[in-house]
Amino acid sequence: MIVFNLNCADCAYSFEGWFENTKDFNKQIRKGLVNCPYCNSTQIKKGLTAPNIAKKSNSKIPKRNKSIASNVKKLKKIIEKEFDYVGDKFTEEAKKIKYGEAKERAIYGEASIEQTKELIDEDIDVLPLPFSVKKTN
């Protein structure tokens, strides 16, 4: 996993984005999948990031960084195995579960910023995932 500092070209809002790698970031940008959380614009650019410079050329990556990446991979496997993927129907399905119209279960999928705000306004807990989702539906 890699974290980029991102900037909205329209409103100048700065935020972080988590991606599998640079190639994944570029692919999501090309497809318009990265939105500004403030204004929902897809005009996103990478901001300045301080490079990770090792003290010695033969030094190893700190265990903490490996541990975080390992934990994200484990989390991804658990979610993909044990949660129901509902795709772009996430907002609708989350509301149905909240109001007893659908079986209560763990779900994941996609939601726009507006949809996410709507869910939060209705006291429905949502969390962004720190990895890209393989669409299975």
Foldseek 3Di string as FASTA:
>chain_A
DDKFWKAAPPPRDIDIAFEPDPVRVVVCLVVLNDADLVPRDSRMDTDDDDDDDDPDPPDDDDVVVVVVVVVLVVVLVCCVVFAAEPAACVLVVLVCLVVVVDPDGHYDYDDGSVSVVVCVVVVRDDDDRNYDDDDPD
